[in-house]
């Protein structure tokens, strides 16, 4: 198997660097930025959560002041903010429409996940 890579490199105009690229500085900066969003200001990891049920539901985004259809299996994190008077918690999702959103979700509609 080790002999296959040099053969491919000779047949195709492929540099050795193309087969094992280093992490692009912009990609590394993006990864560090996303990692920072998963921590509280005190440096504690945010608690991962999922929504109950299997069907997408609409939740209010406090950032855009609009309702968004949210799938229950999206990657989400409970923010360490106070619960609202209506019993809603603040949930952050960074994978929705390629931008982060903070939603108000009734506390009884979230499932707390364990850390890996």
N, C-alpha and C. Protein backbone atom coordinates (compact mmCIF):
# COMPACT_ATOMS: atom_id res chain seq x y z
N UNK A 1 0.83 -1.21 0.00
CA UNK A 1 0.00 0.00 0.00
C UNK A 1 0.86 1.25 0.00
N UNK A 2 2.01 1.20 0.65
CA UNK A 2 2.88 2.36 0.71
C UNK A 2 3.42 2.75 -0.66
N UNK A 3 3.54 1.78 -1.57
CA UNK A 3 4.05 2.07 -2.90
C UNK A 3 3.02 2.73 -3.80
N UNK A 4 1.76 2.70 -3.42
CA UNK A 4 0.69 3.24 -4.26
C UNK A 4 0.77 4.76 -4.34
N UNK A 5 1.04 5.43 -3.23
CA UNK A 5 1.07 6.89 -3.22
C UNK A 5 2.15 7.45 -4.13
N UNK A 6 3.42 6.95 -4.09
CA UNK A 6 4.41 7.47 -5.05
C UNK A 6 4.02 7.22 -6.50
N UNK A 7 3.37 6.09 -6.78
CA UNK A 7 2.95 5.80 -8.15
C UNK A 7 1.89 6.80 -8.59
N UNK A 8 0.93 7.08 -7.71
CA UNK A 8 -0.12 8.05 -8.03
C UNK A 8 0.51 9.42 -8.26
N UNK A 9 1.50 9.78 -7.44
CA UNK A 9 2.15 11.07 -7.59
C UNK A 9 2.90 11.19 -8.92
N UNK A 10 3.44 10.09 -9.41
CA UNK A 10 4.16 10.14 -10.68
C UNK A 10 3.21 10.16 -11.86
N UNK A 11 2.08 9.46 -11.76
CA UNK A 11 1.10 9.43 -12.85
C UNK A 11 0.33 10.74 -12.93
N UNK A 12 -0.07 11.24 -11.78
CA UNK A 12 -0.81 12.49 -11.72
C UNK A 12 0.14 13.57 -11.20
N UNK A 13 -0.09 14.76 -11.58
CA UNK A 13 0.76 15.87 -11.11
C UNK A 13 0.28 16.30 -9.73
N UNK A 14 0.56 15.47 -8.73
CA UNK A 14 0.13 15.73 -7.36
C UNK A 14 1.36 15.92 -6.49
N UNK A 15 1.40 16.99 -5.76
CA UNK A 15 2.50 17.21 -4.83
C UNK A 15 2.29 16.37 -3.59
N UNK A 16 3.37 16.04 -2.91
CA UNK A 16 3.25 15.29 -1.67
C UNK A 16 2.46 16.08 -0.64
N UNK A 17 2.59 17.39 -0.69
CA UNK A 17 1.87 18.23 0.28
C UNK A 17 0.36 18.16 0.09
N UNK A 18 -0.09 17.86 -1.16
CA UNK A 18 -1.52 17.79 -1.42
C UNK A 18 -2.16 16.58 -0.74
N UNK A 19 -1.38 15.54 -0.47
CA UNK A 19 -1.94 14.34 0.15
C UNK A 19 -2.04 14.45 1.66
N UNK A 20 -1.24 15.31 2.26
CA UNK A 20 -1.32 15.51 3.71
C UNK A 20 -1.19 17.01 4.01
N UNK A 21 -2.21 17.77 3.63
CA UNK A 21 -2.10 19.22 3.81
C UNK A 21 -2.13 19.63 5.28
N UNK A 22 -1.39 20.68 5.58
CA UNK A 22 -1.46 21.25 6.93
C UNK A 22 -2.75 22.05 7.02
N UNK A 23 -3.17 22.27 8.24
CA UNK A 23 -4.39 23.03 8.45
C UNK A 23 -4.18 24.47 8.01
N UNK A 24 -5.02 24.94 7.14
CA UNK A 24 -4.96 26.31 6.65
C UNK A 24 -5.10 27.27 7.84
N UNK A 25 -4.31 28.35 7.90
CA UNK A 25 -4.43 29.29 9.03
C UNK A 25 -5.84 29.83 9.21
N UNK A 26 -6.56 30.06 8.09
CA UNK A 26 -7.93 30.54 8.20
C UNK A 26 -8.84 29.47 8.79
N UNK A 27 -8.63 28.21 8.41
CA UNK A 27 -9.43 27.11 8.95
C UNK A 27 -9.13 26.94 10.44
N UNK A 28 -7.87 27.10 10.82
CA UNK A 28 -7.51 26.98 12.23
C UNK A 28 -8.16 28.10 13.04
N UNK A 29 -8.16 29.31 12.51
CA UNK A 29 -8.80 30.43 13.20
C UNK A 29 -10.29 30.20 13.35
N UNK A 30 -10.93 29.65 12.30
CA UNK A 30 -12.35 29.35 12.36
C UNK A 30 -12.64 28.28 13.40
N UNK A 31 -11.82 27.24 13.45
CA UNK A 31 -12.00 26.16 14.44
C UNK A 31 -11.86 26.70 15.85
N UNK A 32 -10.91 27.57 16.07
CA UNK A 32 -10.73 28.16 17.41
C UNK A 32 -11.91 29.06 17.78
N UNK A 33 -12.43 29.77 16.78
CA UNK A 33 -13.59 30.63 17.04
C UNK A 33 -14.81 29.79 17.41
N UNK A 34 -15.06 28.69 16.66
CA UNK A 34 -16.19 27.82 16.98
C UNK A 34 -16.02 27.16 18.34
N UNK A 35 -14.78 26.80 18.66
CA UNK A 35 -14.51 26.22 19.97
C UNK A 35 -14.84 27.21 21.09
N UNK A 36 -14.54 28.47 20.87
CA UNK A 36 -14.82 29.50 21.87
C UNK A 36 -16.32 29.65 22.11
N UNK A 37 -17.14 29.42 21.07
CA UNK A 37 -18.59 29.53 21.23
C UNK A 37 -19.16 28.41 22.09
N UNK A 38 -18.41 27.34 22.31
CA UNK A 38 -18.90 26.22 23.09
C UNK A 38 -18.50 26.31 24.56
N UNK A 39 -17.98 27.48 24.97
CA UNK A 39 -17.57 27.68 26.35
C UNK A 39 -18.25 28.92 26.91
N UNK A 40 -18.48 28.91 28.21
CA UNK A 40 -19.02 30.09 28.86
C UNK A 40 -17.89 31.10 29.06
N UNK A 41 -18.24 32.29 29.51
CA UNK A 41 -17.22 33.31 29.77
C UNK A 41 -16.23 32.87 30.85
N UNK A 42 -16.68 32.00 31.74
CA UNK A 42 -15.81 31.49 32.80
C UNK A 42 -14.93 30.33 32.31
N UNK A 43 -15.11 29.90 31.08
CA UNK A 43 -14.30 28.83 30.52
C UNK A 43 -14.90 27.44 30.65
N UNK A 44 -16.10 27.35 31.22
CA UNK A 44 -16.77 26.06 31.36
C UNK A 44 -17.45 25.68 30.04
N UNK A 45 -17.44 24.38 29.73
CA UNK A 45 -18.12 23.92 28.52
C UNK A 45 -19.62 24.09 28.65
N UNK A 46 -20.27 24.49 27.57
CA UNK A 46 -21.72 24.60 27.57
C UNK A 46 -22.31 23.19 27.53
N UNK A 47 -23.45 23.05 28.18
CA UNK A 47 -24.10 21.74 28.28
C UNK A 47 -24.78 21.38 26.95
N UNK A 48 -24.39 20.26 26.32
CA UNK A 48 -25.04 19.87 25.07
C UNK A 48 -26.46 19.37 25.34
N UNK A 49 -27.39 19.76 24.47
CA UNK A 49 -28.79 19.36 24.61
C UNK A 49 -29.36 18.99 23.24
N UNK A 50 -30.45 18.27 23.27
CA UNK A 50 -31.26 17.96 22.09
C UNK A 50 -32.70 18.30 22.45
N UNK A 51 -33.53 18.40 21.43
CA UNK A 51 -34.94 18.67 21.66
C UNK A 51 -35.72 17.36 21.68
N UNK A 52 -36.81 17.33 22.42
CA UNK A 52 -37.65 16.15 22.48
C UNK A 52 -38.40 15.98 21.15
N UNK A 53 -38.85 14.79 20.89
CA UNK A 53 -39.64 14.50 19.69
C UNK A 53 -38.77 14.28 18.47
N UNK A 54 -39.44 14.00 17.35
CA UNK A 54 -38.75 13.73 16.09
C UNK A 54 -39.05 14.75 15.00
N UNK A 55 -40.04 15.57 15.22
CA UNK A 55 -40.45 16.52 14.19
C UNK A 55 -39.87 17.90 14.48
N UNK A 56 -39.49 18.63 13.43
CA UNK A 56 -39.02 20.01 13.61
C UNK A 56 -40.15 20.89 14.15
N UNK A 57 -39.77 21.87 14.95
CA UNK A 57 -40.73 22.82 15.52
C UNK A 57 -40.16 24.23 15.41
N UNK A 58 -41.05 25.21 15.52
CA UNK A 58 -40.63 26.61 15.45
C UNK A 58 -40.28 27.12 16.84
N UNK A 59 -39.15 27.85 16.90
CA UNK A 59 -38.71 28.47 18.15
C UNK A 59 -38.30 29.91 17.86
N UNK A 60 -38.47 30.75 18.86
CA UNK A 60 -38.17 32.17 18.74
C UNK A 60 -36.67 32.41 18.89
N UNK A 61 -36.09 33.10 17.90
CA UNK A 61 -34.69 33.49 17.96
C UNK A 61 -34.61 34.88 18.58
N UNK A 62 -33.85 35.00 19.65
CA UNK A 62 -33.72 36.32 20.29
C UNK A 62 -32.77 37.21 19.49
N UNK A 63 -32.00 36.65 18.59
CA UNK A 63 -31.03 37.43 17.83
C UNK A 63 -31.69 38.13 16.63
N UNK A 64 -32.53 37.42 15.91
CA UNK A 64 -33.17 37.99 14.72
C UNK A 64 -34.63 38.37 14.97
N UNK A 65 -35.13 38.06 16.17
CA UNK A 65 -36.52 38.35 16.54
C UNK A 65 -37.49 37.77 15.51
N UNK A 66 -37.30 36.48 15.25
CA UNK A 66 -38.15 35.77 14.30
C UNK A 66 -38.21 34.30 14.70
N UNK A 67 -39.24 33.60 14.20
CA UNK A 67 -39.35 32.17 14.44
C UNK A 67 -38.56 31.41 13.38
N UNK A 68 -37.88 30.33 13.81
CA UNK A 68 -37.14 29.46 12.92
C UNK A 68 -37.57 28.02 13.15
N UNK A 69 -37.62 27.27 12.07
CA UNK A 69 -37.92 25.85 12.14
C UNK A 69 -36.64 25.13 12.56
N UNK A 70 -36.68 24.46 13.70
CA UNK A 70 -35.50 23.81 14.27
C UNK A 70 -35.73 22.31 14.34
N UNK A 71 -34.79 21.56 13.80
CA UNK A 71 -34.87 20.10 13.85
C UNK A 71 -34.40 19.64 15.23
N UNK A 72 -35.07 18.68 15.84
CA UNK A 72 -34.72 18.26 17.21
C UNK A 72 -33.34 17.63 17.35
N UNK A 73 -32.74 17.19 16.24
CA UNK A 73 -31.44 16.54 16.33
C UNK A 73 -30.28 17.48 16.01
N UNK A 74 -30.55 18.78 15.87
CA UNK A 74 -29.47 19.74 15.65
C UNK A 74 -28.54 19.77 16.86
N UNK A 75 -27.30 20.12 16.61
CA UNK A 75 -26.32 20.27 17.69
C UNK A 75 -26.63 21.58 18.41
N UNK A 76 -26.97 21.49 19.71
CA UNK A 76 -27.37 22.67 20.47
C UNK A 76 -26.75 22.63 21.87
N UNK A 77 -26.66 23.81 22.47
CA UNK A 77 -26.06 23.94 23.79
C UNK A 77 -26.91 24.86 24.64
N UNK A 78 -27.12 24.47 25.88
CA UNK A 78 -27.88 25.27 26.83
C UNK A 78 -26.96 26.35 27.37
N UNK A 79 -27.41 27.60 27.29
CA UNK A 79 -26.62 28.72 27.80
C UNK A 79 -26.87 28.89 29.29
N UNK A 80 -25.85 29.28 30.04
CA UNK A 80 -26.01 29.42 31.50
C UNK A 80 -26.66 30.75 31.90
N UNK A 81 -27.78 31.06 31.28
CA UNK A 81 -28.51 32.28 31.57
C UNK A 81 -29.74 31.94 32.39
N UNK A 82 -30.34 32.94 33.01
CA UNK A 82 -31.52 32.73 33.84
C UNK A 82 -32.70 32.24 33.01
N UNK A 83 -33.51 31.40 33.62
CA UNK A 83 -34.73 30.91 32.99
C UNK A 83 -35.73 32.05 32.94
N UNK A 84 -36.48 32.16 31.85
CA UNK A 84 -37.47 33.24 31.70
C UNK A 84 -38.66 32.99 32.62
N UNK A 85 -39.52 33.97 32.72
CA UNK A 85 -40.72 33.84 33.55
C UNK A 85 -41.65 32.75 33.03
N UNK A 86 -41.57 32.46 31.73
CA UNK A 86 -42.41 31.43 31.11
C UNK A 86 -41.79 30.04 31.23
N UNK A 87 -40.64 29.91 31.90
CA UNK A 87 -39.98 28.62 32.04
C UNK A 87 -39.18 28.20 30.82
N UNK A 88 -38.71 29.18 30.06
CA UNK A 88 -37.93 28.89 28.86
C UNK A 88 -36.44 29.08 29.15
N UNK A 89 -35.63 28.25 28.52
CA UNK A 89 -34.18 28.37 28.65
C UNK A 89 -33.62 28.86 27.32
N UNK A 90 -32.41 29.38 27.38
CA UNK A 90 -31.74 29.87 26.18
C UNK A 90 -30.86 28.76 25.62
N UNK A 91 -31.07 28.44 24.35
CA UNK A 91 -30.35 27.35 23.70
C UNK A 91 -29.63 27.93 22.48
N UNK A 92 -28.34 27.62 22.37
CA UNK A 92 -27.52 28.11 21.25
C UNK A 92 -27.30 27.01 20.23
N UNK A 93 -27.46 27.34 18.97
CA UNK A 93 -27.16 26.41 17.88
C UNK A 93 -26.29 27.13 16.87
N UNK A 94 -25.10 26.59 16.60
CA UNK A 94 -24.21 27.27 15.65
C UNK A 94 -24.33 26.72 14.24
N UNK A 95 -25.15 25.73 14.03
CA UNK A 95 -25.24 25.13 12.71
C UNK A 95 -26.50 25.45 11.95
N UNK A 96 -27.19 26.49 12.30
CA UNK A 96 -28.47 26.81 11.66
C UNK A 96 -28.27 27.96 10.67
N UNK A 97 -28.52 27.69 9.41
CA UNK A 97 -28.40 28.69 8.35
C UNK A 97 -27.02 29.33 8.32
N UNK A 98 -26.00 28.54 8.64
CA UNK A 98 -24.59 28.99 8.60
C UNK A 98 -24.32 30.16 9.53
N UNK A 99 -25.11 30.30 10.56
CA UNK A 99 -24.87 31.34 11.55
C UNK A 99 -25.41 30.87 12.88
N UNK A 100 -24.87 31.37 13.94
CA UNK A 100 -25.33 30.99 15.27
C UNK A 100 -26.64 31.68 15.61
N UNK A 101 -27.48 30.95 16.32
CA UNK A 101 -28.76 31.50 16.78
C UNK A 101 -28.98 31.10 18.23
N UNK A 102 -29.64 31.96 18.97
CA UNK A 102 -30.03 31.67 20.34
C UNK A 102 -31.55 31.63 20.38
N UNK A 103 -32.07 30.49 20.82
CA UNK A 103 -33.51 30.27 20.85
C UNK A 103 -34.03 30.19 22.27
N UNK A 104 -35.30 30.57 22.43
CA UNK A 104 -36.02 30.35 23.67
C UNK A 104 -36.77 29.03 23.52
N UNK A 105 -36.45 28.09 24.40
CA UNK A 105 -37.05 26.76 24.32
C UNK A 105 -37.61 26.41 25.70
N UNK A 106 -38.86 25.92 25.77
CA UNK A 106 -39.39 25.48 27.06
C UNK A 106 -38.48 24.42 27.67
N UNK A 107 -38.23 24.55 28.96
CA UNK A 107 -37.28 23.65 29.63
C UNK A 107 -37.69 22.19 29.53
N UNK A 108 -39.00 21.92 29.50
CA UNK A 108 -39.45 20.53 29.43
C UNK A 108 -39.30 19.94 28.02
N UNK A 109 -38.85 20.72 27.04
CA UNK A 109 -38.67 20.22 25.68
C UNK A 109 -37.20 19.96 25.34
N UNK A 110 -36.32 20.03 26.34
CA UNK A 110 -34.91 19.72 26.05
C UNK A 110 -34.49 18.44 26.76
N UNK A 111 -33.56 17.75 26.12
CA UNK A 111 -32.96 16.55 26.69
C UNK A 111 -31.50 16.86 26.92
N UNK A 112 -31.05 16.71 28.15
CA UNK A 112 -29.65 16.99 28.46
C UNK A 112 -28.79 15.82 28.01
N UNK A 113 -27.74 16.13 27.28
CA UNK A 113 -26.82 15.12 26.79
C UNK A 113 -25.58 15.08 27.69
N UNK A 114 -24.90 13.96 27.67
CA UNK A 114 -23.67 13.82 28.45
C UNK A 114 -22.48 14.25 27.60
N UNK A 115 -21.41 14.68 28.26
CA UNK A 115 -20.18 14.98 27.55
C UNK A 115 -19.50 13.68 27.13
N UNK A 116 -18.84 13.70 25.98
CA UNK A 116 -18.12 12.50 25.52
C UNK A 116 -16.85 12.32 26.31
